[in-house]
Amino acid sequence: MAENPLALIVGANRGIGLGVVREFLAKGWDVVATARAPDAATDLQALSALNPGRVDIRALNMADGAGIDGFAASLAGRTFDAVLVNAGVAGPSHRSANAATVEETGELMFVNAIGPIRLGRLLLKNLRSGTGVLGYTSSVMGSVALNAGGHELYRASKAALNSLSRGLFAEMRGRNLTLLTLHPGWVRTDMGGSGAPVRVEESARGLVDVMIRSAGGRKHAFLDYQGKDIAW
């Protein structure tokens, strides 16, 4: 019997990441899912219990460089059909470059941009040749072309992720893989707020569908959860 396709979802304890795990499971995939504190990820643990043998929960803190390296090494021999790096923090509440400290910007840039690229680069060898998809949860706020001001530190971190992902794709040529930089929409999560127009289920379903449809495309694209192109 053929094995189920396998996805890795980084940052799966709540919100969009948890929703994406649910969607992949519903489509018959197995999932490796990460959380900073797996024992405290009660919703993810409950989802695993409902799907015995299909959800492998691992600890991963995207603010820990050595932890990222060790996590990637622990996956030696595993082959993923799709990887979604969903890590992200909002940054300081003042949101201003004028008020920012080195410590604040360092953490924001590492978690939102540097760490995800570091992990993705280490996992390229784990992606299935020809059809493997590496996805990053970015934001339309990372678009330089569409920058309307405000939230400048968060925008800068996502713009950095977009730029770094393009550089990573240049390294991927010849590997027959697809890289997607994804905007999940303005989603009703702890970060997005209760007034956001897009439900978690709607965003997650769209992200999973976009990743599956893109398999074999062997290109780099900046897309929203409905599959529409976003200006860089």
C-alpha atoms as a PDB file:
ATOM      1  CA  MET A   1       0.000   0.000   0.000  1.00  0.00           C
ATOM      2  CA  ALA A   2       1.324   3.448  -0.932  1.00  0.00           C
ATOM      3  CA  GLU A   3       2.209   5.743   1.941  1.00  0.00           C
ATOM      4  CA  ASN A   4       0.231   8.933   2.485  1.00  0.00           C
ATOM      5  CA  PRO A   5       1.892  12.150   1.315  1.00  0.00           C
ATOM      6  CA  LEU A   6       3.716  13.893   4.160  1.00  0.00           C
ATOM      7  CA  ALA A   7       3.675  17.567   5.173  1.00  0.00           C
ATOM      8  CA  LEU A   8       5.756  19.481   7.704  1.00  0.00           C
ATOM      9  CA  ILE A   9       3.999  22.432   9.337  1.00  0.00           C
ATOM     10  CA  VAL A  10       6.181  24.711  11.450  1.00  0.00           C
ATOM     11  CA  GLY A  11       4.233  26.737  14.014  1.00  0.00           C
ATOM     12  CA  ALA A  12       1.173  24.492  14.260  1.00  0.00           C
ATOM     13  CA  ASN A  13      -0.046  24.925  17.818  1.00  0.00           C
ATOM     14  CA  ARG A  14      -2.793  27.450  17.003  1.00  0.00           C
ATOM     15  CA  GLY A  15      -4.331  29.746  14.394  1.00  0.00           C
ATOM     16  CA  ILE A  16      -3.366  29.335  10.753  1.00  0.00           C
ATOM     17  CA  GLY A  17      -0.786  26.609  11.392  1.00  0.00           C
ATOM     18  CA  LEU A  18      -3.253  24.436  13.307  1.00  0.00           C
ATOM     19  CA  GLY A  19      -5.847  25.032  10.595  1.00  0.00           C
ATOM     20  CA  VAL A  20      -3.377  23.921   7.918  1.00  0.00           C
ATOM     21  CA  VAL A  21      -2.671  20.699   9.836  1.00  0.00           C
ATOM     22  CA  ARG A  22      -6.428  19.995   9.918  1.00  0.00           C
ATOM     23  CA  GLU A  23      -6.726  20.594   6.171  1.00  0.00           C
ATOM     24  CA  PHE A  24      -3.844  18.309   5.244  1.00  0.00           C
ATOM     25  CA  LEU A  25      -5.244  15.560   7.474  1.00  0.00           C
ATOM     26  CA  ALA A  26      -8.672  15.952   5.877  1.00  0.00           C
ATOM     27  CA  LYS A  27      -7.051  15.446   2.462  1.00  0.00           C
ATOM     28  CA  GLY A  28      -5.419  12.196   3.542  1.00  0.00           C
ATOM     29  CA  TRP A  29      -1.913  13.500   4.278  1.00  0.00           C
ATOM     30  CA  ASP A  30       0.205  12.685   7.318  1.00  0.00           C
ATOM     31  CA  VAL A  31       1.791  15.602   9.169  1.00  0.00           C
ATOM     32  CA  VAL A  32       4.849  16.478  11.207  1.00  0.00           C
ATOM     33  CA  ALA A  33       3.789  19.511  13.262  1.00  0.00           C
ATOM     34  CA  THR A  34       5.905  21.750  15.475  1.00  0.00           C
ATOM     35  CA  ALA A  35       5.162  23.841  18.543  1.00  0.00           C
ATOM     36  CA  ARG A  36       7.433  25.732  20.908  1.00  0.00           C
ATOM     37  CA  ALA A  37       5.946  23.820  23.839  1.00  0.00           C
ATOM     38  CA  PRO A  38       4.234  20.626  22.596  1.00  0.00           C
ATOM     39  CA  ASP A  39       2.894  19.694  26.046  1.00  0.00           C
ATOM     40  CA  ALA A  40       1.022  23.015  26.180  1.00  0.00           C
ATOM     41  CA  ALA A  41      -0.331  22.718  22.619  1.00  0.00           C
ATOM     42  CA  THR A  42      -3.602  21.198  23.764  1.00  0.00           C
ATOM     43  CA  ASP A  43      -5.536  21.712  20.517  1.00  0.00           C
ATOM     44  CA  LEU A  44      -2.752  20.139  18.483  1.00  0.00           C
ATOM     45  CA  GLN A  45      -2.485  17.244  20.932  1.00  0.00           C
ATOM     46  CA  ALA A  46      -6.256  16.694  20.674  1.00  0.00           C
ATOM     47  CA  LEU A  47      -6.033  16.694  16.865  1.00  0.00           C
ATOM     48  CA  SER A  48      -3.267  14.105  17.058  1.00  0.00           C
ATOM     49  CA  ALA A  49      -5.392  11.914  19.340  1.00  0.00           C
ATOM     50  CA  LEU A  50      -8.244  12.037  16.813  1.00  0.00           C
ATOM     51  CA  ASN A  51      -5.851  10.915  14.054  1.00  0.00           C
ATOM     52  CA  PRO A  52      -3.720   8.187  15.644  1.00  0.00           C
ATOM     53  CA  GLY A  53      -0.367   7.595  13.985  1.00  0.00           C
ATOM     54  CA  ARG A  54      -0.805  10.470  11.536  1.00  0.00           C
ATOM     55  CA  VAL A  55       0.483  13.514  13.475  1.00  0.00           C
ATOM     56  CA  ASP A  56       4.072  13.617  14.725  1.00  0.00           C
ATOM     57  CA  ILE A  57       4.422  16.568  17.121  1.00  0.00           C
ATOM     58  CA  ARG A  58       7.930  17.998  17.569  1.00  0.00           C
ATOM     59  CA  ALA A  59       9.353  20.848  19.662  1.00  0.00           C
ATOM     60  CA  LEU A  60      10.849  23.798  17.778  1.00  0.00           C
ATOM     61  CA  ASN A  61      11.586  27.376  18.831  1.00  0.00           C
ATOM     62  CA  MET A  62      12.234  29.543  15.766  1.00  0.00           C
ATOM     63  CA  ALA A  63      14.143  32.059  17.906  1.00  0.00           C
ATOM     64  CA  ASP A  64      16.812  29.427  18.640  1.00  0.00           C
ATOM     65  CA  GLY A  65      19.347  29.014  15.841  1.00  0.00           C
ATOM     66  CA  ALA A  66      20.963  25.922  17.317  1.00  0.00           C
ATOM     67  CA  GLY A  67      17.513  24.442  17.880  1.00  0.00           C
ATOM     68  CA  ILE A  68      16.655  25.009  14.209  1.00  0.00           C
ATOM     69  CA  ASP A  69      19.819  23.197  13.142  1.00  0.00           C
ATOM     70  CA  GLY A  70      19.170  20.303  15.501  1.00  0.00           C
ATOM     71  CA  PHE A  71      15.546  19.995  14.432  1.00  0.00           C
ATOM     72  CA  ALA A  72      16.524  19.771  10.768  1.00  0.00           C
ATOM     73  CA  ALA A  73      19.124  17.129  11.577  1.00  0.00           C
ATOM     74  CA  SER A  74      16.500  15.076  13.433  1.00  0.00           C
ATOM     75  CA  LEU A  75      14.516  14.741  10.190  1.00  0.00           C
ATOM     76  CA  ALA A  76      17.286  12.915   8.328  1.00  0.00           C
ATOM     77  CA  GLY A  77      15.772  10.271   6.096  1.00  0.00           C
ATOM     78  CA  ARG A  78      12.280  11.806   6.066  1.00  0.00           C
ATOM     79  CA  THR A  79      10.879  12.936   2.713  1.00  0.00           C
ATOM     80  CA  PHE A  80       8.271  15.691   2.638  1.00  0.00           C
ATOM     81  CA  ASP A  81       5.877  16.498  -0.164  1.00  0.00           C
ATOM     82  CA  ALA A  82       5.153  19.922   1.330  1.00  0.00           C
ATOM     83  CA  VAL A  83       6.728  22.117   4.005  1.00  0.00           C
ATOM     84  CA  LEU A  84       5.063  25.264   5.356  1.00  0.00           C
ATOM     85  CA  VAL A  85       7.147  27.477   7.641  1.00  0.00           C
ATOM     86  CA  ASN A  86       4.482  29.428   9.491  1.00  0.00           C
ATOM     87  CA  ALA A  87       6.636  31.097  12.163  1.00  0.00           C
ATOM     88  CA  GLY A  88       6.044  34.759  12.912  1.00  0.00           C
ATOM     89  CA  VAL A  89       5.785  37.403  15.628  1.00  0.00           C
ATOM     90  CA  ALA A  90       4.133  40.817  15.478  1.00  0.00           C
ATOM     91  CA  GLY A  91       7.083  42.728  16.910  1.00  0.00           C
ATOM     92  CA  PRO A  92       7.024  45.589  19.424  1.00  0.00           C
ATOM     93  CA  SER A  93       3.686  47.270  20.043  1.00  0.00           C
ATOM     94  CA  HIS A  94       5.062  50.730  19.168  1.00  0.00           C
ATOM     95  CA  ARG A  95       5.715  49.480  15.573  1.00  0.00           C
ATOM     96  CA  SER A  96       8.108  52.354  14.920  1.00  0.00           C
ATOM     97  CA  ALA A  97      11.652  52.386  13.588  1.00  0.00           C
ATOM     98  CA  ASN A  98      12.260  55.533  15.646  1.00  0.00           C
ATOM     99  CA  ALA A  99      11.434  53.749  18.895  1.00  0.00           C
ATOM    100  CA  ALA A 100      12.945  50.349  18.067  1.00  0.00           C
ATOM    101  CA  THR A 101      15.856  48.821  19.934  1.00  0.00           C
ATOM    102  CA  VAL A 102      18.533  46.473  18.637  1.00  0.00           C
ATOM    103  CA  GLU A 103      17.060  43.664  20.747  1.00  0.00           C
ATOM    104  CA  GLU A 104      13.516  44.181  19.425  1.00  0.00           C
ATOM    105  CA  THR A 105      14.489  44.311  15.786  1.00  0.00           C
ATOM    106  CA  GLY A 106      16.922  41.434  16.172  1.00  0.00           C
ATOM    107  CA  GLU A 107      14.257  39.100  17.526  1.00  0.00           C
ATOM    108  CA  LEU A 108      11.675  40.227  14.965  1.00  0.00           C
ATOM    109  CA  MET A 109      13.991  39.754  11.998  1.00  0.00           C
ATOM    110  CA  PHE A 110      15.360  36.435  13.207  1.00  0.00           C
ATOM    111  CA  VAL A 111      11.965  34.825  13.883  1.00  0.00           C
ATOM    112  CA  ASN A 112      10.169  36.257  10.839  1.00  0.00           C
ATOM    113  CA  ALA A 113      12.931  36.080   8.225  1.00  0.00           C
ATOM    114  CA  ILE A 114      16.348  34.686   9.148  1.00  0.00           C
ATOM    115  CA  GLY A 115      15.229  31.586  11.029  1.00  0.00           C
ATOM    116  CA  PRO A 116      12.679  30.499   8.392  1.00  0.00           C
ATOM    117  CA  ILE A 117      15.242  30.752   5.593  1.00  0.00           C
ATOM    118  CA  ARG A 118      17.845  28.947   7.691  1.00  0.00           C
ATOM    119  CA  LEU A 119      15.417  26.093   8.296  1.00  0.00           C
ATOM    120  CA  GLY A 120      14.197  25.969   4.697  1.00  0.00           C
ATOM    121  CA  ARG A 121      17.747  25.763   3.349  1.00  0.00           C
ATOM    122  CA  LEU A 122      18.503  22.840   5.671  1.00  0.00           C
ATOM    123  CA  LEU A 123      15.326  21.017   4.594  1.00  0.00           C
ATOM    124  CA  LEU A 124      15.805  21.241   0.832  1.00  0.00           C
ATOM    125  CA  LYS A 125      17.304  17.738   0.836  1.00  0.00           C
ATOM    126  CA  ASN A 126      14.153  16.442   2.556  1.00  0.00           C
ATOM    127  CA  LEU A 127      11.765  17.681  -0.150  1.00  0.00           C
ATOM    128  CA  ARG A 128      10.564  15.227  -2.773  1.00  0.00           C
ATOM    129  CA  SER A 129      12.390  15.884  -6.039  1.00  0.00           C
ATOM    130  CA  GLY A 130      10.142  17.076  -8.855  1.00  0.00           C
ATOM    131  CA  THR A 131       7.014  17.785  -6.836  1.00  0.00           C
ATOM    132  CA  GLY A 132       8.206  19.057  -3.434  1.00  0.00           C
ATOM    133  CA  VAL A 133       6.849  22.438  -2.303  1.00  0.00           C
ATOM    134  CA  LEU A 134       8.478  24.727   0.264  1.00  0.00           C
ATOM    135  CA  GLY A 135       6.109  27.439   1.494  1.00  0.00           C
ATOM    136  CA  TYR A 136       6.573  30.457   3.730  1.00  0.00           C
ATOM    137  CA  THR A 137       3.746  32.287   5.460  1.00  0.00           C
ATOM    138  CA  SER A 138       4.528  35.883   4.538  1.00  0.00           C
ATOM    139  CA  SER A 139       2.102  38.789   4.168  1.00  0.00           C
ATOM    140  CA  VAL A 140       0.958  41.336   1.639  1.00  0.00           C
ATOM    141  CA  MET A 141       2.525  43.762   4.103  1.00  0.00           C
ATOM    142  CA  GLY A 142       5.886  42.465   2.882  1.00  0.00           C
ATOM    143  CA  SER A 143       5.205  43.820  -0.592  1.00  0.00           C
ATOM    144  CA  VAL A 144       7.376  46.841  -1.360  1.00  0.00           C
ATOM    145  CA  ALA A 145       5.197  47.731  -4.359  1.00  0.00           C
ATOM    146  CA  LEU A 146       2.024  47.819  -2.231  1.00  0.00           C
ATOM    147  CA  ASN A 147       3.492  49.462   0.879  1.00  0.00           C
ATOM    148  CA  ALA A 148       0.954  52.008   2.093  1.00  0.00           C
ATOM    149  CA  GLY A 149       2.817  52.819   5.317  1.00  0.00           C
ATOM    150  CA  GLY A 150       2.256  51.839   8.919  1.00  0.00           C
ATOM    151  CA  HIS A 151       3.410  48.736  10.816  1.00  0.00           C
ATOM    152  CA  GLU A 152       6.858  49.473   9.401  1.00  0.00           C
ATOM    153  CA  LEU A 153       8.869  47.014  11.482  1.00  0.00           C
ATOM    154  CA  TYR A 154       6.591  44.075  10.716  1.00  0.00           C
ATOM    155  CA  ARG A 155       6.491  45.111   7.054  1.00  0.00           C
ATOM    156  CA  ALA A 156      10.277  45.210   6.976  1.00  0.00           C
ATOM    157  CA  SER A 157      10.551  41.720   8.468  1.00  0.00           C
ATOM    158  CA  LYS A 158       8.198  40.241   5.882  1.00  0.00           C
ATOM    159  CA  ALA A 159       9.896  42.137   3.043  1.00  0.00           C
ATOM    160  CA  ALA A 160      13.161  40.628   4.288  1.00  0.00           C
ATOM    161  CA  LEU A 161      11.587  37.163   4.228  1.00  0.00           C
ATOM    162  CA  ASN A 162      10.391  37.737   0.655  1.00  0.00           C
ATOM    163  CA  SER A 163      13.831  38.903  -0.465  1.00  0.00           C
ATOM    164  CA  LEU A 164      15.636  36.064   1.277  1.00  0.00           C
ATOM    165  CA  SER A 165      13.230  33.527  -0.188  1.00  0.00           C
ATOM    166  CA  ARG A 166      14.033  34.778  -3.688  1.00  0.00           C
ATOM    167  CA  GLY A 167      17.723  34.314  -2.964  1.00  0.00           C
ATOM    168  CA  LEU A 168      17.029  30.820  -1.624  1.00  0.00           C
ATOM    169  CA  PHE A 169      15.156  29.938  -4.791  1.00  0.00           C
ATOM    170  CA  ALA A 170      18.194  30.924  -6.823  1.00  0.00           C
ATOM    171  CA  GLU A 171      20.108  28.263  -4.875  1.00  0.00           C
ATOM    172  CA  MET A 172      17.357  25.711  -5.590  1.00  0.00           C
ATOM    173  CA  ARG A 173      17.732  25.745  -9.369  1.00  0.00           C
ATOM    174  CA  GLY A 174      18.391  22.241 -10.601  1.00  0.00           C
ATOM    175  CA  ARG A 175      16.664  20.671  -7.581  1.00  0.00           C
ATOM    176  CA  ASN A 176      13.248  20.540  -9.324  1.00  0.00           C
ATOM    177  CA  LEU A 177      11.409  22.095  -6.379  1.00  0.00           C
ATOM    178  CA  THR A 178       8.760  24.796  -5.946  1.00  0.00           C
ATOM    179  CA  LEU A 179       8.995  27.718  -3.512  1.00  0.00           C
ATOM    180  CA  LEU A 180       5.928  29.745  -2.510  1.00  0.00           C
ATOM    181  CA  THR A 181       5.798  32.949  -0.487  1.00  0.00           C
ATOM    182  CA  LEU A 182       2.216  33.055   0.768  1.00  0.00           C
ATOM    183  CA  HIS A 183      -0.170  35.715   2.057  1.00  0.00           C
ATOM    184  CA  PRO A 184      -2.813  34.007   4.225  1.00  0.00           C
ATOM    185  CA  GLY A 185      -5.172  36.981   4.187  1.00  0.00           C
ATOM    186  CA  TRP A 186      -6.137  39.127   7.148  1.00  0.00           C
ATOM    187  CA  VAL A 187      -7.158  36.251   9.384  1.00  0.00           C
ATOM    188  CA  ARG A 188      -9.158  36.101  12.610  1.00  0.00           C
ATOM    189  CA  THR A 189      -6.334  34.962  14.896  1.00  0.00           C
ATOM    190  CA  ASP A 190      -4.658  36.292  18.039  1.00  0.00           C
ATOM    191  CA  MET A 191      -2.347  38.330  15.801  1.00  0.00           C
ATOM    192  CA  GLY A 192      -4.963  39.342  13.221  1.00  0.00           C
ATOM    193  CA  GLY A 193      -7.614  40.291  15.735  1.00  0.00           C
ATOM    194  CA  SER A 194     -11.305  39.424  16.085  1.00  0.00           C
ATOM    195  CA  GLY A 195     -12.329  41.955  13.433  1.00  0.00           C
ATOM    196  CA  ALA A 196     -10.339  40.351  10.619  1.00  0.00           C
ATOM    197  CA  PRO A 197     -12.508  39.342   7.636  1.00  0.00           C
ATOM    198  CA  VAL A 198     -11.015  35.905   6.857  1.00  0.00           C
ATOM    199  CA  ARG A 199     -11.780  32.828   8.955  1.00  0.00           C
ATOM    200  CA  VAL A 200      -8.910  30.514   9.894  1.00  0.00           C
ATOM    201  CA  GLU A 201     -10.616  27.614   8.114  1.00  0.00           C
ATOM    202  CA  GLU A 202     -10.970  29.613   4.896  1.00  0.00           C
ATOM    203  CA  SER A 203      -7.338  30.744   4.908  1.00  0.00           C
ATOM    204  CA  ALA A 204      -5.979  27.311   5.799  1.00  0.00           C
ATOM    205  CA  ARG A 205      -8.039  25.576   3.116  1.00  0.00           C
ATOM    206  CA  GLY A 206      -6.823  28.062   0.531  1.00  0.00           C
ATOM    207  CA  LEU A 207      -3.166  27.770   1.533  1.00  0.00           C
ATOM    208  CA  VAL A 208      -3.251  23.976   1.353  1.00  0.00           C
ATOM    209  CA  ASP A 209      -5.015  24.010  -2.016  1.00  0.00           C
ATOM    210  CA  VAL A 210      -2.486  26.500  -3.421  1.00  0.00           C
ATOM    211  CA  MET A 211       0.442  24.374  -2.252  1.00  0.00           C
ATOM    212  CA  ILE A 212      -1.011  21.170  -3.677  1.00  0.00           C
ATOM    213  CA  ARG A 213      -1.879  22.799  -7.017  1.00  0.00           C
ATOM    214  CA  SER A 214       1.627  24.263  -7.271  1.00  0.00           C
ATOM    215  CA  ALA A 215       3.418  20.917  -6.908  1.00  0.00           C
ATOM    216  CA  GLY A 216       5.652  20.352  -9.898  1.00  0.00           C
ATOM    217  CA  GLY A 217       5.585  24.008 -10.931  1.00  0.00           C
ATOM    218  CA  ARG A 218       9.284  24.429 -10.052  1.00  0.00           C
ATOM    219  CA  LYS A 219       9.001  28.202  -9.735  1.00  0.00           C
ATOM    220  CA  HIS A 220       8.975  30.909  -7.066  1.00  0.00           C
ATOM    221  CA  ALA A 221       5.736  32.832  -6.645  1.00  0.00           C
ATOM    222  CA  PHE A 222       4.226  35.345  -4.195  1.00  0.00           C
ATOM    223  CA  LEU A 223       0.567  34.318  -3.907  1.00  0.00           C
ATOM    224  CA  ASP A 224      -2.388  34.885  -1.613  1.00  0.00           C
ATOM    225  CA  TYR A 225      -4.489  32.101  -0.125  1.00  0.00           C
ATOM    226  CA  GLN A 226      -6.760  32.201  -3.197  1.00  0.00           C
ATOM    227  CA  GLY A 227      -3.843  31.666  -5.545  1.00  0.00           C
ATOM    228  CA  LYS A 228      -3.713  35.261  -6.820  1.00  0.00           C
ATOM    229  CA  ASP A 229      -0.332  36.833  -7.621  1.00  0.00           C
ATOM    230  CA  ILE A 230       0.879  39.633  -5.320  1.00  0.00           C
ATOM    231  CA  ALA A 231       3.261  42.335  -6.498  1.00  0.00           C
ATOM    232  CA  TRP A 232       6.704  42.043  -4.967  1.00  0.00           C
END
